[in-house]
Amino acid sequence: MTKTLNIRPLADRVVIKVVEETESTPGGIILPDSAREKPQKGEVLAVGPGKTLEQGSREEMEVKEGDVVLYSKYGGTDIKIDDQEYKILSVRDILAVLEQ
C-alpha cells in the first residue's frame, strides 16, 4: 500500500519528488553527500491550478502529474516528509520535460 502525499500546490507551483542520481562514480567510488551534485531532476506529483491573470482567467500549466522534469539548480523550496525529499517550485523554474 503506497502512502499518498496530501499537498495541494497553489497558483503556478508544482510539487516534485526529487530523483536522486547514483551515489558512485562509473569506477565504483562511492561519493559522500558533500561531493555529490545537487539533483536537478524530479517527477511531478502535484500541479497547482495556474497563475491568475489580470482578466481573471488562469494561465494554463505546461506540466502535468507524472512528468519527469529538469529544474533550475537553486529554484524552489526543499521539504522532507517521511524521509523522502520533495521540492515545491514555480513552473518558471522548470527547464524541460524529459520525453520517455
N, C-alpha and C. Protein backbone atom coordinates (compact mmCIF):
# COMPACT_ATOMS: atom_id res chain seq x y z
N MET A 1 0.85 -1.19 0.00
CA MET A 1 0.00 0.00 0.00
C MET A 1 0.88 1.24 0.00
N THR A 2 0.76 2.08 -1.01
CA THR A 2 1.56 3.29 -1.07
C THR A 2 0.83 4.44 -0.38
N LYS A 3 1.60 5.22 0.32
CA LYS A 3 1.06 6.37 1.02
C LYS A 3 0.97 7.54 0.04
N THR A 4 -0.17 8.22 0.02
CA THR A 4 -0.31 9.35 -0.88
C THR A 4 0.19 10.62 -0.20
N LEU A 5 0.69 11.52 -0.99
CA LEU A 5 1.19 12.80 -0.50
C LEU A 5 0.05 13.80 -0.60
N ASN A 6 -0.37 14.34 0.52
CA ASN A 6 -1.50 15.26 0.54
C ASN A 6 -1.03 16.71 0.55
N ILE A 7 -0.46 17.14 -0.55
CA ILE A 7 -0.03 18.53 -0.71
C ILE A 7 -0.71 19.07 -1.96
N ARG A 8 -1.37 20.21 -1.83
CA ARG A 8 -2.03 20.84 -2.98
C ARG A 8 -1.31 22.16 -3.24
N PRO A 9 -0.49 22.22 -4.29
CA PRO A 9 0.23 23.47 -4.57
C PRO A 9 -0.72 24.56 -5.03
N LEU A 10 -0.37 25.79 -4.75
CA LEU A 10 -1.18 26.95 -5.12
C LEU A 10 -0.62 27.63 -6.36
N ALA A 11 -1.50 28.34 -7.06
CA ALA A 11 -1.15 29.15 -8.23
C ALA A 11 -0.34 28.36 -9.25
N ASP A 12 0.86 28.87 -9.61
CA ASP A 12 1.67 28.23 -10.65
C ASP A 12 2.78 27.36 -10.08
N ARG A 13 2.54 26.78 -8.92
CA ARG A 13 3.57 25.94 -8.28
C ARG A 13 3.30 24.46 -8.52
N VAL A 14 4.37 23.68 -8.45
CA VAL A 14 4.28 22.22 -8.59
C VAL A 14 5.06 21.56 -7.47
N VAL A 15 4.67 20.33 -7.13
CA VAL A 15 5.40 19.52 -6.15
C VAL A 15 6.16 18.47 -6.93
N ILE A 16 7.46 18.39 -6.68
CA ILE A 16 8.35 17.47 -7.39
C ILE A 16 8.92 16.47 -6.39
N LYS A 17 8.95 15.20 -6.76
CA LYS A 17 9.68 14.19 -5.98
C LYS A 17 11.08 14.16 -6.57
N VAL A 18 12.06 14.49 -5.75
CA VAL A 18 13.44 14.58 -6.20
C VAL A 18 13.95 13.20 -6.58
N VAL A 19 14.54 13.08 -7.78
CA VAL A 19 15.14 11.83 -8.24
C VAL A 19 16.63 11.90 -7.95
N GLU A 20 17.06 11.06 -7.03
CA GLU A 20 18.48 11.03 -6.65
C GLU A 20 19.29 10.34 -7.74
N GLU A 21 20.42 10.90 -8.04
CA GLU A 21 21.34 10.29 -9.01
C GLU A 21 22.17 9.23 -8.29
N THR A 22 22.96 8.49 -9.05
CA THR A 22 23.78 7.43 -8.46
C THR A 22 24.76 8.01 -7.44
N GLU A 23 25.07 7.20 -6.45
CA GLU A 23 25.95 7.63 -5.37
C GLU A 23 27.39 7.20 -5.57
N SER A 24 27.72 6.67 -6.75
CA SER A 24 29.09 6.26 -7.00
C SER A 24 29.50 6.67 -8.42
N THR A 25 30.80 6.71 -8.63
CA THR A 25 31.34 7.05 -9.94
C THR A 25 31.28 5.82 -10.83
N PRO A 26 31.48 5.98 -12.14
CA PRO A 26 31.49 4.80 -13.01
C PRO A 26 32.55 3.77 -12.61
N GLY A 27 33.61 4.21 -11.94
CA GLY A 27 34.66 3.31 -11.48
C GLY A 27 34.33 2.61 -10.17
N GLY A 28 33.18 2.95 -9.56
CA GLY A 28 32.76 2.30 -8.33
C GLY A 28 33.09 3.04 -7.05
N ILE A 29 33.65 4.24 -7.15
CA ILE A 29 33.97 5.02 -5.96
C ILE A 29 32.68 5.63 -5.42
N ILE A 30 32.37 5.36 -4.16
CA ILE A 30 31.16 5.89 -3.54
C ILE A 30 31.41 7.34 -3.12
N LEU A 31 30.49 8.23 -3.54
CA LEU A 31 30.64 9.65 -3.26
C LEU A 31 29.89 10.04 -1.98
N PRO A 32 30.53 10.82 -1.10
CA PRO A 32 29.82 11.31 0.09
C PRO A 32 28.83 12.40 -0.32
N ASP A 33 27.86 12.70 0.54
CA ASP A 33 26.86 13.72 0.24
C ASP A 33 27.49 15.05 -0.16
N SER A 34 28.58 15.43 0.49
CA SER A 34 29.20 16.72 0.21
C SER A 34 29.82 16.80 -1.18
N ALA A 35 30.12 15.67 -1.81
CA ALA A 35 30.75 15.67 -3.13
C ALA A 35 29.75 15.51 -4.26
N ARG A 36 28.51 15.20 -3.93
CA ARG A 36 27.50 14.98 -4.97
C ARG A 36 26.93 16.29 -5.46
N GLU A 37 26.57 16.30 -6.74
CA GLU A 37 25.88 17.46 -7.31
C GLU A 37 24.47 17.51 -6.77
N LYS A 38 23.94 18.71 -6.65
CA LYS A 38 22.56 18.87 -6.21
C LYS A 38 21.65 18.33 -7.32
N PRO A 39 20.66 17.47 -6.98
CA PRO A 39 19.79 16.91 -8.02
C PRO A 39 19.01 18.01 -8.75
N GLN A 40 18.77 17.79 -10.03
CA GLN A 40 18.01 18.74 -10.84
C GLN A 40 16.93 18.02 -11.63
N LYS A 41 16.60 16.81 -11.23
CA LYS A 41 15.63 16.00 -11.95
C LYS A 41 14.59 15.52 -10.96
N GLY A 42 13.33 15.51 -11.38
CA GLY A 42 12.29 15.04 -10.49
C GLY A 42 11.02 14.68 -11.22
N GLU A 43 10.14 13.99 -10.49
CA GLU A 43 8.84 13.61 -11.04
C GLU A 43 7.77 14.52 -10.46
N VAL A 44 6.92 15.05 -11.31
CA VAL A 44 5.85 15.94 -10.88
C VAL A 44 4.77 15.11 -10.19
N LEU A 45 4.50 15.43 -8.91
CA LEU A 45 3.48 14.72 -8.14
C LEU A 45 2.16 15.48 -8.07
N ALA A 46 2.23 16.81 -8.06
CA ALA A 46 1.02 17.62 -7.97
C ALA A 46 1.25 18.94 -8.69
N VAL A 47 0.19 19.45 -9.31
CA VAL A 47 0.27 20.69 -10.09
C VAL A 47 -0.81 21.65 -9.60
N GLY A 48 -0.43 22.90 -9.39
CA GLY A 48 -1.40 23.92 -8.99
C GLY A 48 -2.33 24.27 -10.14
N PRO A 49 -3.35 25.08 -9.88
CA PRO A 49 -4.34 25.43 -10.90
C PRO A 49 -3.83 26.41 -11.95
N GLY A 50 -2.71 27.06 -11.72
CA GLY A 50 -2.17 28.04 -12.66
C GLY A 50 -2.27 29.44 -12.10
N LYS A 51 -1.45 30.32 -12.60
CA LYS A 51 -1.41 31.71 -12.15
C LYS A 51 -2.67 32.44 -12.63
N THR A 52 -3.25 33.27 -11.76
CA THR A 52 -4.41 34.06 -12.14
C THR A 52 -3.94 35.28 -12.93
N LEU A 53 -4.50 35.45 -14.12
CA LEU A 53 -4.14 36.57 -14.98
C LEU A 53 -5.02 37.79 -14.64
N GLU A 54 -4.66 38.97 -15.16
CA GLU A 54 -5.40 40.20 -14.88
C GLU A 54 -6.87 40.11 -15.24
N GLN A 55 -7.19 39.38 -16.31
CA GLN A 55 -8.58 39.26 -16.75
C GLN A 55 -9.38 38.31 -15.86
N GLY A 56 -8.72 37.64 -14.93
CA GLY A 56 -9.40 36.71 -14.04
C GLY A 56 -9.29 35.26 -14.48
N SER A 57 -8.82 35.02 -15.70
CA SER A 57 -8.65 33.64 -16.17
C SER A 57 -7.34 33.08 -15.61
N ARG A 58 -7.14 31.80 -15.78
CA ARG A 58 -5.92 31.15 -15.28
C ARG A 58 -4.99 30.81 -16.44
N GLU A 59 -3.70 30.99 -16.20
CA GLU A 59 -2.68 30.59 -17.16
C GLU A 59 -2.60 29.06 -17.16
N GLU A 60 -2.57 28.46 -18.33
CA GLU A 60 -2.51 27.00 -18.43
C GLU A 60 -1.13 26.50 -17.99
N MET A 61 -1.11 25.41 -17.22
CA MET A 61 0.15 24.83 -16.76
C MET A 61 0.75 23.99 -17.88
N GLU A 62 2.07 24.04 -18.02
CA GLU A 62 2.76 23.33 -19.10
C GLU A 62 3.19 21.92 -18.70
N VAL A 63 3.04 21.57 -17.43
CA VAL A 63 3.40 20.24 -16.96
C VAL A 63 2.18 19.58 -16.33
N LYS A 64 2.26 18.26 -16.20
CA LYS A 64 1.16 17.52 -15.58
C LYS A 64 1.75 16.48 -14.63
N GLU A 65 0.90 15.93 -13.79
CA GLU A 65 1.35 14.89 -12.86
C GLU A 65 1.94 13.73 -13.64
N GLY A 66 3.06 13.21 -13.15
CA GLY A 66 3.73 12.09 -13.80
C GLY A 66 4.86 12.50 -14.72
N ASP A 67 4.92 13.77 -15.13
CA ASP A 67 6.02 14.23 -15.98
C ASP A 67 7.34 14.16 -15.21
N VAL A 68 8.42 13.78 -15.89
CA VAL A 68 9.76 13.84 -15.32
C VAL A 68 10.40 15.09 -15.90
N VAL A 69 10.87 15.96 -15.01
CA VAL A 69 11.34 17.28 -15.44
C VAL A 69 12.75 17.57 -14.94
N LEU A 70 13.39 18.51 -15.63
CA LEU A 70 14.65 19.09 -15.18
C LEU A 70 14.32 20.49 -14.68
N TYR A 71 14.87 20.86 -13.54
CA TYR A 71 14.56 22.17 -12.97
C TYR A 71 15.84 22.91 -12.59
N SER A 72 15.69 24.20 -12.37
CA SER A 72 16.80 25.07 -12.03
C SER A 72 17.48 24.58 -10.75
N LYS A 73 18.79 24.59 -10.73
CA LYS A 73 19.57 24.03 -9.63
C LYS A 73 19.21 24.63 -8.27
N TYR A 74 18.98 25.92 -8.21
CA TYR A 74 18.72 26.56 -6.93
C TYR A 74 17.28 27.06 -6.81
N GLY A 75 16.39 26.60 -7.68
CA GLY A 75 15.00 27.02 -7.64
C GLY A 75 14.20 26.25 -6.60
N GLY A 76 13.12 26.86 -6.15
CA GLY A 76 12.17 26.18 -5.29
C GLY A 76 12.56 26.07 -3.83
N THR A 77 11.70 25.39 -3.08
CA THR A 77 11.88 25.18 -1.65
C THR A 77 11.93 23.68 -1.38
N ASP A 78 12.97 23.25 -0.67
CA ASP A 78 13.11 21.83 -0.33
C ASP A 78 12.28 21.51 0.90
N ILE A 79 11.56 20.38 0.86
CA ILE A 79 10.84 19.89 2.03
C ILE A 79 11.13 18.40 2.16
N LYS A 80 10.99 17.87 3.37
CA LYS A 80 11.22 16.45 3.60
C LYS A 80 10.05 15.91 4.40
N ILE A 81 9.41 14.86 3.87
CA ILE A 81 8.29 14.22 4.55
C ILE A 81 8.58 12.72 4.56
N ASP A 82 8.56 12.13 5.75
CA ASP A 82 8.82 10.68 5.90
C ASP A 82 10.09 10.24 5.18
N ASP A 83 11.18 10.95 5.39
CA ASP A 83 12.50 10.64 4.82
C ASP A 83 12.56 10.71 3.30
N GLN A 84 11.58 11.30 2.67
CA GLN A 84 11.60 11.49 1.21
C GLN A 84 11.72 12.99 0.93
N GLU A 85 12.61 13.33 0.00
CA GLU A 85 12.80 14.74 -0.37
C GLU A 85 11.83 15.15 -1.47
N TYR A 86 11.23 16.31 -1.27
CA TYR A 86 10.35 16.91 -2.26
C TYR A 86 10.78 18.34 -2.47
N LYS A 87 10.29 18.92 -3.53
CA LYS A 87 10.59 20.31 -3.83
C LYS A 87 9.30 20.96 -4.30
N ILE A 88 9.02 22.15 -3.79
CA ILE A 88 7.90 22.93 -4.29
C ILE A 88 8.50 24.10 -5.05
N LEU A 89 8.16 24.21 -6.33
CA LEU A 89 8.74 25.28 -7.13
C LEU A 89 7.73 25.84 -8.12
N SER A 90 8.04 27.02 -8.59
CA SER A 90 7.20 27.66 -9.59
C SER A 90 7.44 26.97 -10.93
N VAL A 91 6.42 26.93 -11.75
CA VAL A 91 6.57 26.32 -13.07
C VAL A 91 7.67 27.04 -13.88
N ARG A 92 7.95 28.30 -13.57
CA ARG A 92 9.01 29.05 -14.27
C ARG A 92 10.40 28.47 -13.99
N ASP A 93 10.54 27.73 -12.86
CA ASP A 93 11.84 27.12 -12.53
C ASP A 93 12.05 25.78 -13.23
N ILE A 94 11.02 25.28 -13.93
CA ILE A 94 11.15 24.03 -14.68
C ILE A 94 11.75 24.37 -16.03
N LEU A 95 12.84 23.70 -16.37
CA LEU A 95 13.56 23.99 -17.60
C LEU A 95 13.11 23.14 -18.77
N ALA A 96 12.74 21.87 -18.51
CA ALA A 96 12.37 20.96 -19.59
C ALA A 96 11.63 19.76 -19.04
N VAL A 97 10.83 19.14 -19.91
CA VAL A 97 10.17 17.88 -19.62
C VAL A 97 10.93 16.80 -20.37
N LEU A 98 11.32 15.74 -19.67
CA LEU A 98 12.03 14.63 -20.31
C LEU A 98 11.01 13.71 -20.98
N GLU A 99 11.11 13.58 -22.28
CA GLU A 99 10.20 12.70 -23.03
C GLU A 99 10.67 11.28 -22.87
N GLN A 100 9.75 10.36 -22.67
CA GLN A 100 10.13 8.97 -22.42
C GLN A 100 9.71 8.06 -23.52
